């Protein structure tokens, strides 16, 4: 899978304490430095390359137009809200007719990954967590927004890692429908989680 040079340049600048190049949506805040990926270590605080690749694989930067920009599209499960753009971005300001450049999609992904990684790190606290486990949980949270209340998190905190890995398969419905894409994503997340 190929990644945009501009995306990684922006990440390097963020880690060095510089703001990424301005674009709409707003620039991402600087992430905290990543922790060691060794098993039994405190939870990392930033997503790693495997987690980023997984999210990009399943989110895709969808709805490219002939002019190279991207337009918002309806949720596949509902046919409407939440409207989505770029690498799976949803929320305020994203509606029918919203159009972003590749750079805007990439900056929004950076911003969102910092936020979602912080949510996961907060939910895990000092629980021993490998980079693979952390990345899988960030990917799941990025897609569901439910890390704080998930049984997956409670089982992880209890050190019941295999039971936690099995929880991914429960998050495969959207709009009341079982989604084949979500089944594949959860299988990939569970594999990454088990890499410990």
Protein backbone atom coordinates (compact mmCIF):
# COMPACT_ATOMS: atom_id res chain seq x y z
CA UNK A 1 0.00 0.00 0.00
CA UNK A 2 1.35 3.41 -0.93
CA UNK A 3 0.99 6.43 1.33
CA UNK A 4 1.19 10.08 0.43
CA UNK A 5 4.61 11.66 1.06
CA UNK A 6 2.82 14.80 2.23
CA UNK A 7 0.96 12.78 4.87
CA UNK A 8 4.15 11.37 6.39
CA UNK A 9 5.89 14.73 6.14
CA UNK A 10 3.04 16.23 8.15
CA UNK A 11 3.36 13.44 10.74
CA UNK A 12 7.12 14.05 11.03
CA UNK A 13 6.48 17.76 11.51
CA UNK A 14 3.88 17.01 14.18
CA UNK A 15 6.28 14.76 16.08
CA UNK A 16 8.93 17.46 15.86
CA UNK A 17 6.50 19.94 17.42
CA UNK A 18 5.66 21.82 14.21
CA UNK A 19 2.12 22.33 12.99
CA UNK A 20 1.27 20.56 9.73
CA UNK A 21 0.70 22.67 6.64
CA UNK A 22 -2.51 24.66 7.03
CA UNK A 23 -5.58 23.18 5.38
CA UNK A 24 -9.27 22.99 6.05
CA UNK A 25 -10.18 21.20 8.32
CA UNK A 26 -7.92 22.60 11.08
CA UNK A 27 -4.39 21.35 11.64
CA UNK A 28 -3.89 18.40 13.94
CA UNK A 29 -2.50 18.93 17.43
CA UNK A 30 0.91 17.42 18.12
CA UNK A 31 0.64 13.83 19.34
CA UNK A 32 2.36 12.58 22.44
CA UNK A 33 5.43 10.44 21.71
CA UNK A 34 4.76 6.74 21.16
CA UNK A 35 5.61 4.33 23.96
CA UNK A 36 7.57 1.10 23.61
CA UNK A 37 5.77 -1.65 21.72
CA UNK A 38 7.07 -4.45 23.93
CA UNK A 39 4.46 -6.76 25.49
CA UNK A 40 3.65 -5.87 29.07
CA UNK A 41 4.58 -2.23 28.56
CA UNK A 42 2.29 0.65 29.40
CA UNK A 43 -0.13 1.50 26.57
CA UNK A 44 1.39 3.37 23.62
CA UNK A 45 0.03 6.85 23.02
CA UNK A 46 0.21 7.10 19.21
CA UNK A 47 -0.91 4.78 16.46
CA UNK A 48 1.83 2.82 14.70
CA UNK A 49 2.35 2.06 11.00
CA UNK A 50 0.37 -1.20 11.09
CA UNK A 51 -2.64 0.53 12.62
CA UNK A 52 -2.44 3.39 10.14
CA UNK A 53 -2.25 0.92 7.23
CA UNK A 54 -5.26 -1.00 8.54
CA UNK A 55 -7.37 2.14 8.90
CA UNK A 56 -6.40 3.37 5.45
CA UNK A 57 -7.11 -0.03 3.92
CA UNK A 58 -10.64 -0.22 5.29
CA UNK A 59 -11.60 3.44 5.18
CA UNK A 60 -10.13 4.20 1.77
CA UNK A 61 -10.09 7.76 0.55
CA UNK A 62 -13.38 7.34 -1.24
CA UNK A 63 -15.39 9.23 -3.81
CA UNK A 64 -12.55 10.73 -5.83
CA UNK A 65 -13.75 13.10 -8.52
CA UNK A 66 -12.17 13.64 -11.93
CA UNK A 67 -10.57 16.85 -10.65
CA UNK A 68 -8.69 14.87 -7.96
CA UNK A 69 -10.80 16.16 -5.08
CA UNK A 70 -13.11 14.06 -2.89
CA UNK A 71 -16.79 14.49 -2.19
CA UNK A 72 -18.90 13.48 0.78
CA UNK A 73 -20.97 10.32 0.51
CA UNK A 74 -23.81 8.82 2.57
CA UNK A 75 -23.24 6.11 5.16
CA UNK A 76 -23.36 2.73 3.36
CA UNK A 77 -25.64 1.22 6.01
CA UNK A 78 -28.19 4.03 6.26
CA UNK A 79 -27.97 5.66 2.84
CA UNK A 80 -27.81 8.99 4.69
CA UNK A 81 -26.31 10.28 7.93
CA UNK A 82 -23.60 10.26 8.98
CA UNK A 83 -22.18 11.73 5.78
CA UNK A 84 -18.55 10.75 5.31
CA UNK A 85 -15.58 12.13 3.39
CA UNK A 86 -11.94 11.25 2.80
CA UNK A 87 -10.51 8.65 5.16
CA UNK A 88 -13.82 8.04 6.94
CA UNK A 89 -14.25 11.51 8.44
CA UNK A 90 -17.71 12.37 9.78
CA UNK A 91 -19.12 15.17 11.90
CA UNK A 92 -19.87 18.86 11.79
CA UNK A 93 -19.40 20.46 8.39
CA UNK A 94 -19.62 17.19 6.44
CA UNK A 95 -22.82 16.96 4.43
CA UNK A 96 -24.01 16.43 0.85
CA UNK A 97 -21.93 18.67 -1.40
CA UNK A 98 -18.85 18.82 0.87
CA UNK A 99 -15.68 18.58 -1.24
CA UNK A 100 -12.07 18.33 0.04
CA UNK A 101 -8.65 18.08 -1.53
CA UNK A 102 -6.35 15.12 -0.82
CA UNK A 103 -4.38 17.34 1.56
CA UNK A 104 -7.53 18.23 3.48
CA UNK A 105 -8.46 14.54 3.74
CA UNK A 106 -4.96 13.69 5.01
CA UNK A 107 -4.87 16.51 7.59
CA UNK A 108 -8.29 15.50 8.90
CA UNK A 109 -7.08 11.89 9.26
CA UNK A 110 -4.03 13.09 11.23
CA UNK A 111 -6.23 15.20 13.49
CA UNK A 112 -8.70 12.37 14.06
CA UNK A 113 -5.99 9.77 14.74
CA UNK A 114 -4.44 11.93 17.43
CA UNK A 115 -7.85 12.33 19.08
CA UNK A 116 -8.84 8.67 18.82
CA UNK A 117 -5.42 7.48 20.04
CA UNK A 118 -5.76 9.75 23.07
CA UNK A 119 -9.22 8.29 23.78
CA UNK A 120 -7.81 4.75 23.67
CA UNK A 121 -4.78 5.67 25.79
CA UNK A 122 -7.10 7.28 28.36
CA UNK A 123 -9.35 4.18 28.43
CA UNK A 124 -6.36 1.85 28.88
CA UNK A 125 -4.51 3.92 31.47
CA UNK A 126 -1.44 2.01 32.69
CA UNK A 127 -2.67 -1.41 31.50
CA UNK A 128 0.07 -3.44 29.79
CA UNK A 129 -0.57 -3.02 26.05
CA UNK A 130 1.47 -3.84 22.96
CA UNK A 131 1.57 -1.58 19.92
CA UNK A 132 -0.48 -4.14 17.95
CA UNK A 133 -3.18 -4.24 20.62
CA UNK A 134 -3.26 -0.45 20.81
CA UNK A 135 -3.42 -0.05 17.02
CA UNK A 136 -6.26 -2.57 16.71
CA UNK A 137 -8.22 -0.77 19.41
CA UNK A 138 -7.64 2.64 17.80
CA UNK A 139 -8.89 1.26 14.48
CA UNK A 140 -12.00 -0.15 16.12
CA UNK A 141 -12.63 3.08 18.03
CA UNK A 142 -12.07 5.16 14.88
CA UNK A 143 -14.86 3.17 13.26
CA UNK A 144 -17.26 2.76 16.22
CA UNK A 145 -16.49 5.56 18.69
CA UNK A 146 -17.23 3.14 21.52
CA UNK A 147 -13.91 2.30 23.19
CA UNK A 148 -14.83 3.65 26.63
CA UNK A 149 -17.87 1.40 27.06
CA UNK A 150 -16.79 -1.66 25.07
CA UNK A 151 -16.47 -5.08 26.71
CA UNK A 152 -13.29 -5.34 24.61
CA UNK A 153 -11.71 -2.64 26.77
CA UNK A 154 -12.87 -4.18 30.04
CA UNK A 155 -11.47 -7.58 29.06
CA UNK A 156 -8.18 -6.03 27.97
CA UNK A 157 -7.86 -4.20 31.28
CA UNK A 158 -8.46 -7.53 33.07
CA UNK A 159 -5.62 -9.12 31.06
CA UNK A 160 -8.04 -11.47 29.28
CA UNK A 161 -6.48 -10.86 25.88
CA UNK A 162 -7.97 -13.78 23.92
CA UNK A 163 -11.46 -12.97 25.19
CA UNK A 164 -10.83 -9.34 24.22
CA UNK A 165 -9.73 -10.38 20.72
CA UNK A 166 -12.98 -12.28 20.29
CA UNK A 167 -14.96 -9.12 21.06
CA UNK A 168 -13.96 -7.51 17.76
CA UNK A 169 -16.31 -9.86 15.90
CA UNK A 170 -19.31 -8.43 17.76
CA UNK A 171 -18.96 -5.01 16.06
CA UNK A 172 -20.06 -5.97 12.54
CA UNK A 173 -23.51 -4.36 12.26
CA UNK A 174 -24.39 -0.88 11.04
CA UNK A 175 -27.89 0.49 10.61
CA UNK A 176 -29.22 -2.83 11.90
CA UNK A 177 -27.45 -4.79 9.12
CA UNK A 178 -24.48 -7.17 9.20
CA UNK A 179 -21.90 -5.56 6.91
CA UNK A 180 -19.38 -7.74 5.07
CA UNK A 181 -16.83 -4.91 5.12
CA UNK A 182 -17.10 -4.67 8.89
CA UNK A 183 -16.66 -8.43 9.24
CA UNK A 184 -13.40 -8.22 7.26
CA UNK A 185 -12.23 -5.19 9.22
CA UNK A 186 -12.89 -6.79 12.60
CA UNK A 187 -11.04 -9.95 11.52
CA UNK A 188 -8.04 -7.81 10.55
CA UNK A 189 -8.21 -5.87 13.83
CA UNK A 190 -8.38 -9.11 15.84
CA UNK A 191 -5.32 -10.46 13.97
CA UNK A 192 -3.40 -7.26 14.71
CA UNK A 193 -4.50 -7.35 18.36
CA UNK A 194 -3.29 -10.95 18.72
CA UNK A 195 0.19 -10.06 17.42
CA UNK A 196 1.10 -8.76 20.90
